[in-house]
Amino acid sequence: DTIDVTTSCEKVGNKSITLRQQILVGDEV
């Protein structure tokens, strides 16, 4: 499979950062 990871910042708190990620094969999560 061709594998991609998407990463984005979901939230920034006072001392923390929450990242949301997905592993995709094509357009399918």
PDB file of all heavy atoms in Angstrom:
ATOM      1  N   ASP A   1       0.833  -1.203   0.000  1.00  0.00           N
ATOM      2  CA  ASP A   1       0.000   0.000   0.000  1.00  0.00           C
ATOM      3  C   ASP A   1       0.869   1.254   0.000  1.00  0.00           C
ATOM      4  O   ASP A   1       1.968   1.262   0.551  1.00  0.00           O
ATOM      5  CB  ASP A   1      -0.895   0.039   1.255  1.00  0.00           C
ATOM      6  CG  ASP A   1      -2.020  -0.972   1.227  1.00  0.00           C
ATOM      7  OD1 ASP A   1      -2.384  -1.434   0.127  1.00  0.00           O
ATOM      8  OD2 ASP A   1      -2.533  -1.307   2.318  1.00  0.00           O
ATOM      9  N   THR A   2       0.352   2.307  -0.593  1.00  0.00           N
ATOM     10  CA  THR A   2       0.956   3.636  -0.475  1.00  0.00           C
ATOM     11  C   THR A   2       0.397   4.245   0.801  1.00  0.00           C
ATOM     12  O   THR A   2      -0.816   4.372   0.958  1.00  0.00           O
ATOM     13  CB  THR A   2       0.614   4.499  -1.697  1.00  0.00           C
ATOM     14  OG1 THR A   2       1.129   3.851  -2.857  1.00  0.00           O
ATOM     15  CG2 THR A   2       1.212   5.882  -1.568  1.00  0.00           C
ATOM     16  N   ILE A   3       1.290   4.609   1.713  1.00  0.00           N
ATOM     17  CA  ILE A   3       0.902   5.020   3.062  1.00  0.00           C
ATOM     18  C   ILE A   3       1.251   6.490   3.282  1.00  0.00           C
ATOM     19  O   ILE A   3       2.389   6.907   3.064  1.00  0.00           O
ATOM     20  CB  ILE A   3       1.622   4.155   4.125  1.00  0.00           C
ATOM     21  CG1 ILE A   3       1.365   2.670   3.882  1.00  0.00           C
ATOM     22  CG2 ILE A   3       1.206   4.572   5.535  1.00  0.00           C
ATOM     23  CD1 ILE A   3       2.292   1.748   4.649  1.00  0.00           C
ATOM     24  N   ASP A   4       0.261   7.260   3.727  1.00  0.00           N
ATOM     25  CA  ASP A   4       0.471   8.657   4.094  1.00  0.00           C
ATOM     26  C   ASP A   4      -0.046   8.874   5.506  1.00  0.00           C
ATOM     27  O   ASP A   4      -0.998   8.221   5.935  1.00  0.00           O
ATOM     28  CB  ASP A   4      -0.288   9.605   3.152  1.00  0.00           C
ATOM     29  CG  ASP A   4       0.273   9.598   1.750  1.00  0.00           C
ATOM     30  OD1 ASP A   4       1.469   9.905   1.587  1.00  0.00           O
ATOM     31  OD2 ASP A   4      -0.493   9.291   0.815  1.00  0.00           O
ATOM     32  N   VAL A   5       0.575   9.815   6.209  1.00  0.00           N
ATOM     33  CA  VAL A   5       0.103  10.239   7.525  1.00  0.00           C
ATOM     34  C   VAL A   5      -0.248  11.714   7.436  1.00  0.00           C
ATOM     35  O   VAL A   5       0.537  12.509   6.922  1.00  0.00           O
ATOM     36  CB  VAL A   5       1.184  10.029   8.612  1.00  0.00           C
ATOM     37  CG1 VAL A   5       0.766  10.670   9.929  1.00  0.00           C
ATOM     38  CG2 VAL A   5       1.475   8.561   8.819  1.00  0.00           C
ATOM     39  N   THR A   6      -1.444  12.063   7.905  1.00  0.00           N
ATOM     40  CA  THR A   6      -1.798  13.474   8.019  1.00  0.00           C
ATOM     41  C   THR A   6      -1.729  13.869   9.494  1.00  0.00           C
ATOM     42  O   THR A   6      -2.099  13.088  10.371  1.00  0.00           O
ATOM     43  CB  THR A   6      -3.206  13.777   7.465  1.00  0.00           C
ATOM     44  OG1 THR A   6      -4.168  13.013   8.181  1.00  0.00           O
ATOM     45  CG2 THR A   6      -3.286  13.475   5.969  1.00  0.00           C
ATOM     46  N   THR A   7      -1.223  15.077   9.729  1.00  0.00           N
ATOM     47  CA  THR A   7      -1.062  15.580  11.092  1.00  0.00           C
ATOM     48  C   THR A   7      -1.558  17.009  11.152  1.00  0.00           C
ATOM     49  O   THR A   7      -1.218  17.820  10.290  1.00  0.00           O
ATOM     50  CB  THR A   7       0.422  15.535  11.523  1.00  0.00           C
ATOM     51  OG1 THR A   7       0.945  14.213  11.329  1.00  0.00           O
ATOM     52  CG2 THR A   7       0.592  15.933  12.985  1.00  0.00           C
ATOM     53  N   SER A   8      -2.358  17.310  12.162  1.00  0.00           N
ATOM     54  CA  SER A   8      -2.809  18.685  12.378  1.00  0.00           C
ATOM     55  C   SER A   8      -2.924  18.927  13.881  1.00  0.00           C
ATOM     56  O   SER A   8      -3.009  17.998  14.676  1.00  0.00           O
ATOM     57  CB  SER A   8      -4.140  18.954  11.682  1.00  0.00           C
ATOM     58  OG  SER A   8      -5.118  18.063  12.140  1.00  0.00           O
ATOM     59  N   CYS A   9      -2.913  20.188  14.244  1.00  0.00           N
ATOM     60  CA  CYS A   9      -3.050  20.577  15.645  1.00  0.00           C
ATOM     61  C   CYS A   9      -4.526  20.753  15.960  1.00  0.00           C
ATOM     62  O   CYS A   9      -5.214  21.563  15.337  1.00  0.00           O
ATOM     63  CB  CYS A   9      -2.281  21.870  15.908  1.00  0.00           C
ATOM     64  SG  CYS A   9      -2.338  22.377  17.632  1.00  0.00           S
ATOM     65  N   GLU A  10      -5.003  19.979  16.908  1.00  0.00           N
ATOM     66  CA  GLU A  10      -6.407  20.034  17.295  1.00  0.00           C
ATOM     67  C   GLU A  10      -6.644  21.083  18.377  1.00  0.00           C
ATOM     68  O   GLU A  10      -7.689  21.734  18.421  1.00  0.00           O
ATOM     69  CB  GLU A  10      -6.827  18.649  17.792  1.00  0.00           C
ATOM     70  CG  GLU A  10      -8.281  18.491  18.068  1.00  0.00           C
ATOM     71  CD  GLU A  10      -8.621  17.026  18.334  1.00  0.00           C
ATOM     72  OE1 GLU A  10      -8.067  16.436  19.290  1.00  0.00           O
ATOM     73  OE2 GLU A  10      -9.431  16.485  17.575  1.00  0.00           O
ATOM     74  N   LYS A  11      -5.652  21.243  19.276  1.00  0.00           N
ATOM     75  CA  LYS A  11      -5.835  22.148  20.407  1.00  0.00           C
ATOM     76  C   LYS A  11      -4.475  22.552  20.963  1.00  0.00           C
ATOM     77  O   LYS A  11      -3.553  21.746  21.005  1.00  0.00           O
ATOM     78  CB  LYS A  11      -6.644  21.439  21.493  1.00  0.00           C
ATOM     79  CG  LYS A  11      -6.862  22.220  22.762  1.00  0.00           C
ATOM     80  CD  LYS A  11      -7.586  21.377  23.792  1.00  0.00           C
ATOM     81  CE  LYS A  11      -7.640  22.097  25.121  1.00  0.00           C
ATOM     82  NZ  LYS A  11      -8.129  21.246  26.198  1.00  0.00           N
ATOM     83  N   VAL A  12      -4.381  23.806  21.407  1.00  0.00           N
ATOM     84  CA  VAL A  12      -3.212  24.270  22.142  1.00  0.00           C
ATOM     85  C   VAL A  12      -3.697  24.755  23.499  1.00  0.00           C
ATOM     86  O   VAL A  12      -4.521  25.661  23.577  1.00  0.00           O
ATOM     87  CB  VAL A  12      -2.466  25.395  21.399  1.00  0.00           C
ATOM     88  CG1 VAL A  12      -1.272  25.881  22.215  1.00  0.00           C
ATOM     89  CG2 VAL A  12      -2.012  24.936  20.021  1.00  0.00           C
ATOM     90  N   GLY A  13      -3.213  24.105  24.551  1.00  0.00           N
ATOM     91  CA  GLY A  13      -3.570  24.503  25.910  1.00  0.00           C
ATOM     92  C   GLY A  13      -2.502  25.415  26.492  1.00  0.00           C
ATOM     93  O   GLY A  13      -1.688  25.977  25.762  1.00  0.00           O
ATOM     94  N   ASN A  14      -2.481  25.549  27.816  1.00  0.00           N
ATOM     95  CA  ASN A  14      -1.456  26.373  28.460  1.00  0.00           C
ATOM     96  C   ASN A  14      -0.071  25.749  28.334  1.00  0.00           C
ATOM     97  O   ASN A  14       0.897  26.433  28.019  1.00  0.00           O
ATOM     98  CB  ASN A  14      -1.786  26.600  29.943  1.00  0.00           C
ATOM     99  CG  ASN A  14      -2.989  27.487  30.117  1.00  0.00           C
ATOM    100  OD1 ASN A  14      -3.255  28.364  29.296  1.00  0.00           O
ATOM    101  ND2 ASN A  14      -3.741  27.247  31.180  1.00  0.00           N
ATOM    102  N   LYS A  15       0.008  24.438  28.608  1.00  0.00           N
ATOM    103  CA  LYS A  15       1.286  23.736  28.569  1.00  0.00           C
ATOM    104  C   LYS A  15       1.272  22.548  27.617  1.00  0.00           C
ATOM    105  O   LYS A  15       2.261  21.833  27.513  1.00  0.00           O
ATOM    106  CB  LYS A  15       1.661  23.240  29.966  1.00  0.00           C
ATOM    107  CG  LYS A  15       1.922  24.337  30.970  1.00  0.00           C
ATOM    108  CD  LYS A  15       2.359  23.749  32.299  1.00  0.00           C
ATOM    109  CE  LYS A  15       2.722  24.846  33.276  1.00  0.00           C
ATOM    110  NZ  LYS A  15       3.295  24.269  34.516  1.00  0.00           N
ATOM    111  N   SER A  16       0.163  22.320  26.927  1.00  0.00           N
ATOM    112  CA  SER A  16       0.043  21.121  26.099  1.00  0.00           C
ATOM    113  C   SER A  16      -0.410  21.440  24.682  1.00  0.00           C
ATOM    114  O   SER A  16      -0.998  22.487  24.412  1.00  0.00           O
ATOM    115  CB  SER A  16      -0.933  20.131  26.733  1.00  0.00           C
ATOM    116  OG  SER A  16      -2.239  20.676  26.732  1.00  0.00           O
ATOM    117  N   ILE A  17      -0.116  20.496  23.809  1.00  0.00           N
ATOM    118  CA  ILE A  17      -0.511  20.549  22.398  1.00  0.00           C
ATOM    119  C   ILE A  17      -1.166  19.207  22.085  1.00  0.00           C
ATOM    120  O   ILE A  17      -0.614  18.150  22.420  1.00  0.00           O
ATOM    121  CB  ILE A  17       0.722  20.755  21.489  1.00  0.00           C
ATOM    122  CG1 ILE A  17       1.417  22.081  21.810  1.00  0.00           C
ATOM    123  CG2 ILE A  17       0.339  20.663  20.020  1.00  0.00           C
ATOM    124  CD1 ILE A  17       2.813  22.201  21.219  1.00  0.00           C
ATOM    125  N   THR A  18      -2.344  19.229  21.472  1.00  0.00           N
ATOM    126  CA  THR A  18      -3.021  17.998  21.068  1.00  0.00           C
ATOM    127  C   THR A  18      -2.973  17.892  19.556  1.00  0.00           C
ATOM    128  O   THR A  18      -3.426  18.795  18.847  1.00  0.00           O
ATOM    129  CB  THR A  18      -4.480  17.970  21.549  1.00  0.00           C
ATOM    130  OG1 THR A  18      -4.505  18.120  22.974  1.00  0.00           O
ATOM    131  CG2 THR A  18      -5.161  16.669  21.163  1.00  0.00           C
ATOM    132  N   LEU A  19      -2.380  16.808  19.064  1.00  0.00           N
ATOM    133  CA  LEU A  19      -2.299  16.550  17.631  1.00  0.00           C
ATOM    134  C   LEU A  19      -3.310  15.489  17.238  1.00  0.00           C
ATOM    135  O   LEU A  19      -3.543  14.526  17.981  1.00  0.00           O
ATOM    136  CB  LEU A  19      -0.898  16.055  17.233  1.00  0.00           C
ATOM    137  CG  LEU A  19       0.265  17.010  17.439  1.00  0.00           C
ATOM    138  CD1 LEU A  19       1.551  16.370  16.931  1.00  0.00           C
ATOM    139  CD2 LEU A  19       0.017  18.339  16.755  1.00  0.00           C
ATOM    140  N   ARG A  20      -3.882  15.663  16.060  1.00  0.00           N
ATOM    141  CA  ARG A  20      -4.781  14.660  15.473  1.00  0.00           C
ATOM    142  C   ARG A  20      -4.094  14.124  14.236  1.00  0.00           C
ATOM    143  O   ARG A  20      -3.613  14.897  13.399  1.00  0.00           O
ATOM    144  CB  ARG A  20      -6.112  15.284  15.109  1.00  0.00           C
ATOM    145  CG  ARG A  20      -7.045  14.320  14.421  1.00  0.00           C
ATOM    146  CD  ARG A  20      -8.464  14.865  14.380  1.00  0.00           C
ATOM    147  NE  ARG A  20      -9.335  14.081  13.532  1.00  0.00           N
ATOM    148  CZ  ARG A  20      -9.733  12.846  13.756  1.00  0.00           C
ATOM    149  NH1 ARG A  20      -9.304  12.197  14.804  1.00  0.00           N
ATOM    150  NH2 ARG A  20     -10.540  12.229  12.921  1.00  0.00           N
ATOM    151  N   GLN A  21      -4.039  12.795  14.125  1.00  0.00           N
ATOM    152  CA  GLN A  21      -3.367  12.170  12.992  1.00  0.00           C
ATOM    153  C   GLN A  21      -4.231  11.072  12.393  1.00  0.00           C
ATOM    154  O   GLN A  21      -5.043  10.455  13.084  1.00  0.00           O
ATOM    155  CB  GLN A  21      -2.028  11.578  13.424  1.00  0.00           C
ATOM    156  CG  GLN A  21      -1.022  12.628  13.861  1.00  0.00           C
ATOM    157  CD  GLN A  21       0.303  11.994  14.202  1.00  0.00           C
ATOM    158  OE1 GLN A  21       0.443  11.394  15.264  1.00  0.00           O
ATOM    159  NE2 GLN A  21       1.262  12.103  13.298  1.00  0.00           N
ATOM    160  N   GLN A  22      -4.000  10.840  11.113  1.00  0.00           N
ATOM    161  CA  GLN A  22      -4.635   9.732  10.415  1.00  0.00           C
ATOM    162  C   GLN A  22      -3.588   9.056   9.537  1.00  0.00           C
ATOM    163  O   GLN A  22      -2.729   9.727   8.964  1.00  0.00           O
ATOM    164  CB  GLN A  22      -5.776  10.214   9.530  1.00  0.00           C
ATOM    165  CG  GLN A  22      -6.925  10.820  10.289  1.00  0.00           C
ATOM    166  CD  GLN A  22      -8.044  11.285   9.381  1.00  0.00           C
ATOM    167  OE1 GLN A  22      -7.801  11.791   8.293  1.00  0.00           O
ATOM    168  NE2 GLN A  22      -9.279  11.092   9.828  1.00  0.00           N
ATOM    169  N   ILE A  23      -3.704   7.736   9.448  1.00  0.00           N
ATOM    170  CA  ILE A  23      -2.921   6.991   8.460  1.00  0.00           C
ATOM    171  C   ILE A  23      -3.874   6.673   7.322  1.00  0.00           C
ATOM    172  O   ILE A  23      -4.947   6.101   7.538  1.00  0.00           O
ATOM    173  CB  ILE A  23      -2.310   5.701   9.037  1.00  0.00           C
ATOM    174  CG1 ILE A  23      -1.354   6.030  10.190  1.00  0.00           C
ATOM    175  CG2 ILE A  23      -1.578   4.934   7.935  1.00  0.00           C
ATOM    176  CD1 ILE A  23      -0.753   4.815  10.874  1.00  0.00           C
ATOM    177  N   LEU A  24      -3.467   7.057   6.129  1.00  0.00           N
ATOM    178  CA  LEU A  24      -4.295   6.882   4.938  1.00  0.00           C
ATOM    179  C   LEU A  24      -3.649   5.905   3.973  1.00  0.00           C
ATOM    180  O   LEU A  24      -2.432   5.895   3.802  1.00  0.00           O
ATOM    181  CB  LEU A  24      -4.466   8.217   4.199  1.00  0.00           C
ATOM    182  CG  LEU A  24      -5.004   9.405   4.988  1.00  0.00           C
ATOM    183  CD1 LEU A  24      -4.918  10.667   4.151  1.00  0.00           C
ATOM    184  CD2 LEU A  24      -6.427   9.146   5.415  1.00  0.00           C
ATOM    185  N   VAL A  25      -4.496   5.117   3.327  1.00  0.00           N
ATOM    186  CA  VAL A  25      -4.112   4.330   2.159  1.00  0.00           C
ATOM    187  C   VAL A  25      -4.999   4.884   1.046  1.00  0.00           C
ATOM    188  O   VAL A  25      -6.222   4.707   1.081  1.00  0.00           O
ATOM    189  CB  VAL A  25      -4.309   2.820   2.368  1.00  0.00           C
ATOM    190  CG1 VAL A  25      -4.077   2.070   1.071  1.00  0.00           C
ATOM    191  CG2 VAL A  25      -3.381   2.315   3.467  1.00  0.00           C
ATOM    192  N   GLY A  26      -4.388   5.625   0.135  1.00  0.00           N
ATOM    193  CA  GLY A  26      -5.174   6.385  -0.832  1.00  0.00           C
ATOM    194  C   GLY A  26      -5.945   7.441  -0.068  1.00  0.00           C
ATOM    195  O   GLY A  26      -5.376   8.183   0.734  1.00  0.00           O
ATOM    196  N   ASP A  27      -7.255   7.494  -0.274  1.00  0.00           N
ATOM    197  CA  ASP A  27      -8.101   8.445   0.460  1.00  0.00           C
ATOM    198  C   ASP A  27      -8.813   7.807   1.646  1.00  0.00           C
ATOM    199  O   ASP A  27      -9.603   8.457   2.324  1.00  0.00           O
ATOM    200  CB  ASP A  27      -9.159   9.037  -0.486  1.00  0.00           C
ATOM    201  CG  ASP A  27      -8.553   9.933  -1.536  1.00  0.00           C
ATOM    202  OD1 ASP A  27      -7.502  10.541  -1.265  1.00  0.00           O
ATOM    203  OD2 ASP A  27      -9.127  10.030  -2.641  1.00  0.00           O
ATOM    204  N   GLU A  28      -8.528   6.539   1.904  1.00  0.00           N
ATOM    205  CA  GLU A  28      -9.232   5.802   2.956  1.00  0.00           C
ATOM    206  C   GLU A  28      -8.456   5.845   4.272  1.00  0.00           C
ATOM    207  O   GLU A  28      -7.271   5.512   4.325  1.00  0.00           O
ATOM    208  CB  GLU A  28      -9.428   4.353   2.534  1.00  0.00           C
ATOM    209  CG  GLU A  28     -10.320   3.581   3.472  1.00  0.00           C
ATOM    210  CD  GLU A  28     -10.573   2.168   2.978  1.00  0.00           C
ATOM    211  OE1 GLU A  28     -10.616   1.959   1.746  1.00  0.00           O
ATOM    212  OE2 GLU A  28     -10.720   1.282   3.832  1.00  0.00           O
ATOM    213  N   VAL A  29      -9.141   6.253   5.333  1.00  0.00           N
ATOM    214  CA  VAL A  29      -8.540   6.303   6.667  1.00  0.00           C
ATOM    215  C   VAL A  29      -8.461   4.889   7.222  1.00  0.00           C
ATOM    216  O   VAL A  29      -9.468   4.200   7.334  1.00  0.00           O
ATOM    217  CB  VAL A  29      -9.364   7.200   7.616  1.00  0.00           C
ATOM    218  CG1 VAL A  29      -8.767   7.190   9.014  1.00  0.00           C
ATOM    219  CG2 VAL A  29      -9.457   8.618   7.074  1.00  0.00           C
TER     220      VAL A  29
END
